Full PDB file with SEQRES, HELIX, SHEET, SSBOND, CRYST1, ORIGX, SCALE, CONECT and MASTER records, all heavy atoms in Angstrom:
SEQRES   1 A   32  ALA GLY THR LEU LYS ALA GLY SER TRP LEU VAL LEU LEU          
SEQRES   2 A   32  ALA PRO PRO TRP GLU ALA TRP THR THR ARG VAL ASP ASN          
SEQRES   3 A   32  ASP SER CYS ARG TRP SER                                      
HELIX    1 AA1 TRP A   17  TRP A   20  1                                   4    
HELIX    2 AA2 ASN A   26  ARG A   30  5                                   5    
CRYST1    1.000    1.000    1.000  90.00  90.00  90.00 P 1           1          
ORIGX1      1.000000  0.000000  0.000000        0.00000                         
ORIGX2      0.000000  1.000000  0.000000        0.00000                         
ORIGX3      0.000000  0.000000  1.000000        0.00000                         
SCALE1      1.000000  0.000000  0.000000        0.00000                         
SCALE2      0.000000  1.000000  0.000000        0.00000                         
SCALE3      0.000000  0.000000  1.000000        0.00000                         
ATOM      1  N   ALA A   1       5.068  -6.989  -6.818  1.00  0.00           N  
ATOM      2  CA  ALA A   1       6.460  -7.326  -6.372  1.00  0.00           C  
ATOM      3  C   ALA A   1       7.020  -8.504  -7.189  1.00  0.00           C  
ATOM      4  O   ALA A   1       8.202  -8.542  -7.508  1.00  0.00           O  
ATOM      5  CB  ALA A   1       6.474  -7.649  -4.881  1.00  0.00           C  
ATOM      6  N   GLY A   2       6.164  -9.448  -7.552  1.00  0.00           N  
ATOM      7  CA  GLY A   2       6.649 -10.573  -8.320  1.00  0.00           C  
ATOM      8  C   GLY A   2       6.950 -10.255  -9.768  1.00  0.00           C  
ATOM      9  O   GLY A   2       7.562 -11.099 -10.431  1.00  0.00           O  
ATOM     10  N   THR A   3       6.654  -9.120 -10.227  1.00  0.00           N  
ATOM     11  CA  THR A   3       6.902  -8.766 -11.622  1.00  0.00           C  
ATOM     12  C   THR A   3       8.215  -7.960 -11.758  1.00  0.00           C  
ATOM     13  O   THR A   3       8.668  -7.702 -12.857  1.00  0.00           O  
ATOM     14  CB  THR A   3       5.837  -7.878 -12.255  1.00  0.00           C  
ATOM     15  OG1 THR A   3       5.834  -6.592 -11.599  1.00  0.00           O  
ATOM     16  CG2 THR A   3       4.455  -8.500 -12.163  1.00  0.00           C  
ATOM     17  N   LEU A   4       8.905  -7.700 -10.615  1.00  0.00           N  
ATOM     18  CA  LEU A   4      10.107  -6.826 -10.672  1.00  0.00           C  
ATOM     19  C   LEU A   4      11.363  -7.637 -10.894  1.00  0.00           C  
ATOM     20  O   LEU A   4      11.576  -8.711 -10.263  1.00  0.00           O  
ATOM     21  CB  LEU A   4      10.185  -5.958  -9.390  1.00  0.00           C  
ATOM     22  CG  LEU A   4       9.037  -5.024  -9.190  1.00  0.00           C  
ATOM     23  CD1 LEU A   4       9.201  -4.257  -7.847  1.00  0.00           C  
ATOM     24  CD2 LEU A   4       8.934  -4.059 -10.332  1.00  0.00           C  
ATOM     25  N   LYS A   5      12.255  -7.034 -11.691  1.00  0.00           N  
ATOM     26  CA  LYS A   5      13.558  -7.675 -12.023  1.00  0.00           C  
ATOM     27  C   LYS A   5      14.518  -7.369 -10.829  1.00  0.00           C  
ATOM     28  O   LYS A   5      14.273  -6.480 -10.060  1.00  0.00           O  
ATOM     29  CB  LYS A   5      14.102  -7.024 -13.276  1.00  0.00           C  
ATOM     30  CG  LYS A   5      13.303  -7.198 -14.492  1.00  0.00           C  
ATOM     31  CD  LYS A   5      13.933  -6.390 -15.659  1.00  0.00           C  
ATOM     32  CE  LYS A   5      13.005  -6.416 -16.864  1.00  0.00           C  
ATOM     33  NZ  LYS A   5      13.557  -5.587 -17.969  1.00  0.00           N  
ATOM     34  N   ALA A   6      15.564  -8.124 -10.801  1.00  0.00           N  
ATOM     35  CA  ALA A   6      16.642  -7.873  -9.825  1.00  0.00           C  
ATOM     36  C   ALA A   6      17.175  -6.460 -10.128  1.00  0.00           C  
ATOM     37  O   ALA A   6      17.353  -6.027 -11.226  1.00  0.00           O  
ATOM     38  CB  ALA A   6      17.731  -8.897  -9.981  1.00  0.00           C  
ATOM     39  N   GLY A   7      17.363  -5.675  -8.987  1.00  0.00           N  
ATOM     40  CA  GLY A   7      17.839  -4.343  -9.124  1.00  0.00           C  
ATOM     41  C   GLY A   7      16.729  -3.317  -9.094  1.00  0.00           C  
ATOM     42  O   GLY A   7      16.972  -2.100  -9.268  1.00  0.00           O  
ATOM     43  N   SER A   8      15.481  -3.739  -8.949  1.00  0.00           N  
ATOM     44  CA  SER A   8      14.332  -2.863  -8.998  1.00  0.00           C  
ATOM     45  C   SER A   8      13.977  -2.169  -7.649  1.00  0.00           C  
ATOM     46  O   SER A   8      14.287  -2.752  -6.610  1.00  0.00           O  
ATOM     47  CB  SER A   8      13.086  -3.686  -9.398  1.00  0.00           C  
ATOM     48  OG  SER A   8      13.267  -4.271 -10.663  1.00  0.00           O  
ATOM     49  N   TRP A   9      13.330  -1.100  -7.802  1.00  0.00           N  
ATOM     50  CA  TRP A   9      12.701  -0.400  -6.659  1.00  0.00           C  
ATOM     51  C   TRP A   9      11.171  -0.551  -6.732  1.00  0.00           C  
ATOM     52  O   TRP A   9      10.566  -0.364  -7.835  1.00  0.00           O  
ATOM     53  CB  TRP A   9      13.053   1.111  -6.686  1.00  0.00           C  
ATOM     54  CG  TRP A   9      14.353   1.423  -6.163  1.00  0.00           C  
ATOM     55  CD1 TRP A   9      15.489   1.668  -6.929  1.00  0.00           C  
ATOM     56  CD2 TRP A   9      14.760   1.500  -4.840  1.00  0.00           C  
ATOM     57  NE1 TRP A   9      16.556   1.943  -6.107  1.00  0.00           N  
ATOM     58  CE2 TRP A   9      16.178   1.807  -4.827  1.00  0.00           C  
ATOM     59  CE3 TRP A   9      14.124   1.344  -3.566  1.00  0.00           C  
ATOM     60  CZ2 TRP A   9      16.880   2.022  -3.628  1.00  0.00           C  
ATOM     61  CZ3 TRP A   9      14.826   1.518  -2.461  1.00  0.00           C  
ATOM     62  CH2 TRP A   9      16.232   1.816  -2.428  1.00  0.00           C  
ATOM     63  N   LEU A  10      10.582  -0.895  -5.654  1.00  0.00           N  
ATOM     64  CA  LEU A  10       9.137  -0.901  -5.503  1.00  0.00           C  
ATOM     65  C   LEU A  10       8.842   0.227  -4.564  1.00  0.00           C  
ATOM     66  O   LEU A  10       9.252   0.249  -3.411  1.00  0.00           O  
ATOM     67  CB  LEU A  10       8.635  -2.214  -4.926  1.00  0.00           C  
ATOM     68  CG  LEU A  10       7.166  -2.332  -4.636  1.00  0.00           C  
ATOM     69  CD1 LEU A  10       6.267  -1.896  -5.837  1.00  0.00           C  
ATOM     70  CD2 LEU A  10       6.784  -3.721  -4.231  1.00  0.00           C  
ATOM     71  N   VAL A  11       8.124   1.244  -5.061  1.00  0.00           N  
ATOM     72  CA  VAL A  11       7.822   2.426  -4.281  1.00  0.00           C  
ATOM     73  C   VAL A  11       6.376   2.326  -3.790  1.00  0.00           C  
ATOM     74  O   VAL A  11       5.482   2.232  -4.676  1.00  0.00           O  
ATOM     75  CB  VAL A  11       8.062   3.702  -5.111  1.00  0.00           C  
ATOM     76  CG1 VAL A  11       7.646   4.966  -4.258  1.00  0.00           C  
ATOM     77  CG2 VAL A  11       9.513   3.777  -5.621  1.00  0.00           C  
ATOM     78  N   LEU A  12       6.167   2.336  -2.526  1.00  0.00           N  
ATOM     79  CA  LEU A  12       4.813   2.274  -1.981  1.00  0.00           C  
ATOM     80  C   LEU A  12       4.385   3.663  -1.489  1.00  0.00           C  
ATOM     81  O   LEU A  12       5.097   4.273  -0.641  1.00  0.00           O  
ATOM     82  CB  LEU A  12       4.768   1.310  -0.771  1.00  0.00           C  
ATOM     83  CG  LEU A  12       3.481   1.217   0.047  1.00  0.00           C  
ATOM     84  CD1 LEU A  12       2.353   0.699  -0.829  1.00  0.00           C  
ATOM     85  CD2 LEU A  12       3.697   0.402   1.293  1.00  0.00           C  
ATOM     86  N   LEU A  13       3.384   4.212  -2.036  1.00  0.00           N  
ATOM     87  CA  LEU A  13       2.775   5.507  -1.629  1.00  0.00           C  
ATOM     88  C   LEU A  13       1.744   5.274  -0.491  1.00  0.00           C  
ATOM     89  O   LEU A  13       0.826   4.526  -0.711  1.00  0.00           O  
ATOM     90  CB  LEU A  13       2.163   6.255  -2.802  1.00  0.00           C  
ATOM     91  CG  LEU A  13       3.012   6.416  -4.060  1.00  0.00           C  
ATOM     92  CD1 LEU A  13       2.221   7.271  -5.078  1.00  0.00           C  
ATOM     93  CD2 LEU A  13       4.381   7.036  -3.720  1.00  0.00           C  
ATOM     94  N   ALA A  14       2.035   5.882   0.606  1.00  0.00           N  
ATOM     95  CA  ALA A  14       1.161   5.680   1.785  1.00  0.00           C  
ATOM     96  C   ALA A  14       0.702   7.005   2.350  1.00  0.00           C  
ATOM     97  O   ALA A  14       1.330   8.042   2.173  1.00  0.00           O  
ATOM     98  CB  ALA A  14       1.916   4.865   2.875  1.00  0.00           C  
ATOM     99  N   PRO A  15      -0.452   6.984   3.056  1.00  0.00           N  
ATOM    100  CA  PRO A  15      -0.930   8.221   3.690  1.00  0.00           C  
ATOM    101  C   PRO A  15       0.097   8.630   4.760  1.00  0.00           C  
ATOM    102  O   PRO A  15       1.053   7.932   5.072  1.00  0.00           O  
ATOM    103  CB  PRO A  15      -2.247   7.790   4.390  1.00  0.00           C  
ATOM    104  CG  PRO A  15      -2.639   6.517   3.724  1.00  0.00           C  
ATOM    105  CD  PRO A  15      -1.390   5.857   3.212  1.00  0.00           C  
ATOM    106  N   PRO A  16      -0.014   9.833   5.362  1.00  0.00           N  
ATOM    107  CA  PRO A  16       0.860  10.262   6.396  1.00  0.00           C  
ATOM    108  C   PRO A  16       0.917   9.166   7.520  1.00  0.00           C  
ATOM    109  O   PRO A  16      -0.095   8.571   7.936  1.00  0.00           O  
ATOM    110  CB  PRO A  16       0.202  11.483   7.009  1.00  0.00           C  
ATOM    111  CG  PRO A  16      -0.566  12.072   5.827  1.00  0.00           C  
ATOM    112  CD  PRO A  16      -1.064  10.873   5.069  1.00  0.00           C  
ATOM    113  N   TRP A  17       2.132   8.848   7.951  1.00  0.00           N  
ATOM    114  CA  TRP A  17       2.453   7.711   8.845  1.00  0.00           C  
ATOM    115  C   TRP A  17       1.535   7.657  10.040  1.00  0.00           C  
ATOM    116  O   TRP A  17       0.985   6.571  10.296  1.00  0.00           O  
ATOM    117  CB  TRP A  17       3.944   7.782   9.193  1.00  0.00           C  
ATOM    118  CG  TRP A  17       4.464   6.520   9.776  1.00  0.00           C  
ATOM    119  CD1 TRP A  17       4.530   6.201  11.093  1.00  0.00           C  
ATOM    120  CD2 TRP A  17       4.913   5.387   9.087  1.00  0.00           C  
ATOM    121  NE1 TRP A  17       5.098   4.945  11.212  1.00  0.00           N  
ATOM    122  CE2 TRP A  17       5.315   4.397  10.000  1.00  0.00           C  
ATOM    123  CE3 TRP A  17       5.038   5.123   7.740  1.00  0.00           C  
ATOM    124  CZ2 TRP A  17       5.879   3.166   9.626  1.00  0.00           C  
ATOM    125  CZ3 TRP A  17       5.575   3.850   7.346  1.00  0.00           C  
ATOM    126  CH2 TRP A  17       5.934   2.916   8.284  1.00  0.00           C  
ATOM    127  N   GLU A  18       1.460   8.683  10.778  1.00  0.00           N  
ATOM    128  CA  GLU A  18       0.680   8.666  12.073  1.00  0.00           C  
ATOM    129  C   GLU A  18      -0.792   8.520  11.777  1.00  0.00           C  
ATOM    130  O   GLU A  18      -1.529   8.040  12.689  1.00  0.00           O  
ATOM    131  CB  GLU A  18       0.988   9.951  12.889  1.00  0.00           C  
ATOM    132  CG  GLU A  18       2.450  10.119  13.272  1.00  0.00           C  
ATOM    133  CD  GLU A  18       3.004   8.926  14.044  1.00  0.00           C  
ATOM    134  OE1 GLU A  18       2.237   8.282  14.851  1.00  0.00           O  
ATOM    135  OE2 GLU A  18       4.192   8.530  13.894  1.00  0.00           O  
ATOM    136  N   ALA A  19      -1.296   8.974  10.704  1.00  0.00           N  
ATOM    137  CA  ALA A  19      -2.723   8.908  10.409  1.00  0.00           C  
ATOM    138  C   ALA A  19      -3.127   7.704   9.630  1.00  0.00           C  
ATOM    139  O   ALA A  19      -4.336   7.385   9.563  1.00  0.00           O  
ATOM    140  CB  ALA A  19      -3.140  10.179   9.636  1.00  0.00           C  
ATOM    141  N   TRP A  20      -2.165   6.910   9.117  1.00  0.00           N  
ATOM    142  CA  TRP A  20      -2.503   5.801   8.253  1.00  0.00           C  
ATOM    143  C   TRP A  20      -3.396   4.835   8.893  1.00  0.00           C  
ATOM    144  O   TRP A  20      -4.343   4.201   8.288  1.00  0.00           O  
ATOM    145  CB  TRP A  20      -1.207   5.162   7.808  1.00  0.00           C  
ATOM    146  CG  TRP A  20      -1.343   4.181   6.655  1.00  0.00           C  
ATOM    147  CD1 TRP A  20      -2.427   3.903   5.923  1.00  0.00           C  
ATOM    148  CD2 TRP A  20      -0.290   3.382   6.067  1.00  0.00           C  
ATOM    149  NE1 TRP A  20      -2.127   2.988   4.930  1.00  0.00           N  
ATOM    150  CE2 TRP A  20      -0.854   2.631   5.046  1.00  0.00           C  
ATOM    151  CE3 TRP A  20       1.031   3.222   6.423  1.00  0.00           C  
ATOM    152  CZ2 TRP A  20      -0.086   1.772   4.255  1.00  0.00           C  
ATOM    153  CZ3 TRP A  20       1.810   2.405   5.648  1.00  0.00           C  
ATOM    154  CH2 TRP A  20       1.233   1.657   4.592  1.00  0.00           C  
ATOM    155  N   THR A  21      -3.163   4.499  10.149  1.00  0.00           N  
ATOM    156  CA  THR A  21      -3.986   3.499  10.827  1.00  0.00           C  
ATOM    157  C   THR A  21      -5.411   3.875  11.036  1.00  0.00           C  
ATOM    158  O   THR A  21      -6.344   3.048  11.194  1.00  0.00           O  
ATOM    159  CB  THR A  21      -3.381   3.137  12.239  1.00  0.00           C  
ATOM    160  OG1 THR A  21      -3.302   4.330  13.004  1.00  0.00           O  
ATOM    161  CG2 THR A  21      -2.042   2.478  12.149  1.00  0.00           C  
ATOM    162  N   THR A  22      -5.757   5.177  10.973  1.00  0.00           N  
ATOM    163  CA  THR A  22      -7.113   5.701  11.154  1.00  0.00           C  
ATOM    164  C   THR A  22      -7.838   5.875   9.847  1.00  0.00           C  
ATOM    165  O   THR A  22      -9.078   6.119   9.887  1.00  0.00           O  
ATOM    166  CB  THR A  22      -7.086   6.927  12.013  1.00  0.00           C  
ATOM    167  OG1 THR A  22      -6.423   7.986  11.236  1.00  0.00           O  
ATOM    168  CG2 THR A  22      -6.431   6.745  13.344  1.00  0.00           C  
ATOM    169  N   ARG A  23      -7.124   5.861   8.734  1.00  0.00           N  
ATOM    170  CA  ARG A  23      -7.783   6.112   7.486  1.00  0.00           C  
ATOM    171  C   ARG A  23      -8.613   4.928   7.032  1.00  0.00           C  
ATOM    172  O   ARG A  23      -8.279   3.809   7.218  1.00  0.00           O  
ATOM    173  CB  ARG A  23      -6.687   6.374   6.424  1.00  0.00           C  
ATOM    174  CG  ARG A  23      -5.741   7.551   6.735  1.00  0.00           C  
ATOM    175  CD  ARG A  23      -6.258   8.869   6.258  1.00  0.00           C  
ATOM    176  NE  ARG A  23      -6.344   9.213   4.873  1.00  0.00           N  
ATOM    177  CZ  ARG A  23      -5.434   9.741   4.132  1.00  0.00           C  
ATOM    178  NH1 ARG A  23      -4.257  10.007   4.647  1.00  0.00           N  
ATOM    179  NH2 ARG A  23      -5.656  10.068   2.896  1.00  0.00           N  
ATOM    180  N   VAL A  24      -9.732   5.228   6.321  1.00  0.00           N  
ATOM    181  CA  VAL A  24     -10.532   4.127   5.815  1.00  0.00           C  
ATOM    182  C   VAL A  24      -9.766   3.545   4.583  1.00  0.00           C  
ATOM    183  O   VAL A  24      -9.075   4.258   3.920  1.00  0.00           O  
ATOM    184  CB  VAL A  24     -11.954   4.593   5.354  1.00  0.00           C  
ATOM    185  CG1 VAL A  24     -12.751   4.940   6.579  1.00  0.00           C  
ATOM    186  CG2 VAL A  24     -11.919   5.593   4.318  1.00  0.00           C  
ATOM    187  N   ASP A  25      -9.895   2.233   4.450  1.00  0.00           N  
ATOM    188  CA  ASP A  25      -9.182   1.489   3.349  1.00  0.00           C  
ATOM    189  C   ASP A  25     -10.271   1.187   2.312  1.00  0.00           C  
ATOM    190  O   ASP A  25     -11.125   0.340   2.556  1.00  0.00           O  
ATOM    191  CB  ASP A  25      -8.536   0.253   3.937  1.00  0.00           C  
ATOM    192  CG  ASP A  25      -7.767  -0.508   2.970  1.00  0.00           C  
ATOM    193  OD1 ASP A  25      -8.062  -0.382   1.720  1.00  0.00           O  
ATOM    194  OD2 ASP A  25      -6.783  -1.232   3.341  1.00  0.00           O  
ATOM    195  N   ASN A  26     -10.256   1.829   1.204  1.00  0.00           N  
ATOM    196  CA  ASN A  26     -11.243   1.586   0.173  1.00  0.00           C  
ATOM    197  C   ASN A  26     -11.203   0.198  -0.380  1.00  0.00           C  
ATOM    198  O   ASN A  26     -12.213  -0.301  -0.926  1.00  0.00           O  
ATOM    199  CB  ASN A  26     -11.044   2.635  -0.992  1.00  0.00           C  
ATOM    200  CG  ASN A  26     -11.495   4.028  -0.574  1.00  0.00           C  
ATOM    201  OD1 ASN A  26     -12.380   4.154   0.236  1.00  0.00           O  
ATOM    202  ND2 ASN A  26     -10.875   5.020  -1.144  1.00  0.00           N  
ATOM    203  N   ASP A  27     -10.033  -0.532  -0.218  1.00  0.00           N  
ATOM    204  CA  ASP A  27     -10.045  -1.942  -0.643  1.00  0.00           C  
ATOM    205  C   ASP A  27     -10.787  -2.810   0.267  1.00  0.00           C  
ATOM    206  O   ASP A  27     -11.095  -3.952  -0.084  1.00  0.00           O  
ATOM    207  CB  ASP A  27      -8.515  -2.334  -0.762  1.00  0.00           C  
ATOM    208  CG  ASP A  27      -8.444  -3.712  -1.309  1.00  0.00           C  
ATOM    209  OD1 ASP A  27      -8.929  -4.011  -2.457  1.00  0.00           O  
ATOM    210  OD2 ASP A  27      -7.936  -4.614  -0.604  1.00  0.00           O  
ATOM    211  N   SER A  28     -11.087  -2.376   1.484  1.00  0.00           N  
ATOM    212  CA  SER A  28     -11.768  -3.231   2.447  1.00  0.00           C  
ATOM    213  C   SER A  28     -13.134  -3.679   2.020  1.00  0.00           C  
ATOM    214  O   SER A  28     -13.644  -4.733   2.432  1.00  0.00           O  
ATOM    215  CB  SER A  28     -11.886  -2.501   3.811  1.00  0.00           C  
ATOM    216  OG  SER A  28     -12.704  -1.371   3.727  1.00  0.00           O  
ATOM    217  N   CYS A  29     -13.781  -2.962   1.085  1.00  0.00           N  
ATOM    218  CA  CYS A  29     -15.052  -3.356   0.571  1.00  0.00           C  
ATOM    219  C   CYS A  29     -14.973  -4.687  -0.237  1.00  0.00           C  
ATOM    220  O   CYS A  29     -15.984  -5.384  -0.340  1.00  0.00           O  
ATOM    221  CB  CYS A  29     -15.649  -2.290  -0.328  1.00  0.00           C  
ATOM    222  SG  CYS A  29     -16.182  -0.794   0.576  1.00  0.00           S  
ATOM    223  N   ARG A  30     -13.804  -4.926  -0.726  1.00  0.00           N  
ATOM    224  CA  ARG A  30     -13.599  -6.141  -1.509  1.00  0.00           C  
ATOM    225  C   ARG A  30     -13.681  -7.456  -0.633  1.00  0.00           C  
ATOM    226  O   ARG A  30     -14.107  -8.510  -1.111  1.00  0.00           O  
ATOM    227  CB  ARG A  30     -12.246  -6.106  -2.188  1.00  0.00           C  
ATOM    228  CG  ARG A  30     -11.883  -7.230  -3.152  1.00  0.00           C  
ATOM    229  CD  ARG A  30     -10.528  -6.922  -3.845  1.00  0.00           C  
ATOM    230  NE  ARG A  30      -9.495  -6.635  -2.926  1.00  0.00           N  
ATOM    231  CZ  ARG A  30      -8.732  -7.641  -2.351  1.00  0.00           C  
ATOM    232  NH1 ARG A  30      -8.966  -8.918  -2.616  1.00  0.00           N  
ATOM    233  NH2 ARG A  30      -7.755  -7.309  -1.578  1.00  0.00           N  
ATOM    234  N   TRP A  31     -13.297  -7.331   0.660  1.00  0.00           N  
ATOM    235  CA  TRP A  31     -13.240  -8.543   1.436  1.00  0.00           C  
ATOM    236  C   TRP A  31     -13.962  -8.448   2.783  1.00  0.00           C  
ATOM    237  O   TRP A  31     -14.162  -9.458   3.436  1.00  0.00           O  
ATOM    238  CB  TRP A  31     -11.772  -8.863   1.779  1.00  0.00           C  
ATOM    239  CG  TRP A  31     -10.970  -7.715   2.305  1.00  0.00           C  
ATOM    240  CD1 TRP A  31     -10.142  -6.868   1.588  1.00  0.00           C  
ATOM    241  CD2 TRP A  31     -10.948  -7.180   3.627  1.00  0.00           C  
ATOM    242  NE1 TRP A  31      -9.615  -5.917   2.364  1.00  0.00           N  
ATOM    243  CE2 TRP A  31     -10.077  -6.114   3.647  1.00  0.00           C  
ATOM    244  CE3 TRP A  31     -11.560  -7.602   4.807  1.00  0.00           C  
ATOM    245  CZ2 TRP A  31      -9.857  -5.402   4.819  1.00  0.00           C  
ATOM    246  CZ3 TRP A  31     -11.287  -6.864   5.990  1.00  0.00           C  
ATOM    247  CH2 TRP A  31     -10.426  -5.789   5.960  1.00  0.00           C  
ATOM    248  N   SER A  32     -14.488  -7.272   3.204  1.00  0.00           N  
ATOM    249  CA  SER A  32     -15.190  -7.211   4.453  1.00  0.00           C  
ATOM    250  C   SER A  32     -16.739  -7.357   4.259  1.00  0.00           C  
ATOM    251  O   SER A  32     -17.195  -7.235   3.107  1.00  0.00           O  
ATOM    252  CB  SER A  32     -14.922  -5.853   5.128  1.00  0.00           C  
ATOM    253  OG  SER A  32     -15.616  -4.801   4.589  1.00  0.00           O  
TER     254      SER A  32                                                      
MASTER        0    0    0    2    0    0    0    6  253    1    0    3          
END                                                                             
């Protein structure tokens, strides 16, 4: 987000909304 110029779009691709909270987060291995 800090690399974006004024007028930019940041598009976040996410799992299906209702299932997102139950999906495993592969990034969690980095900090858990």
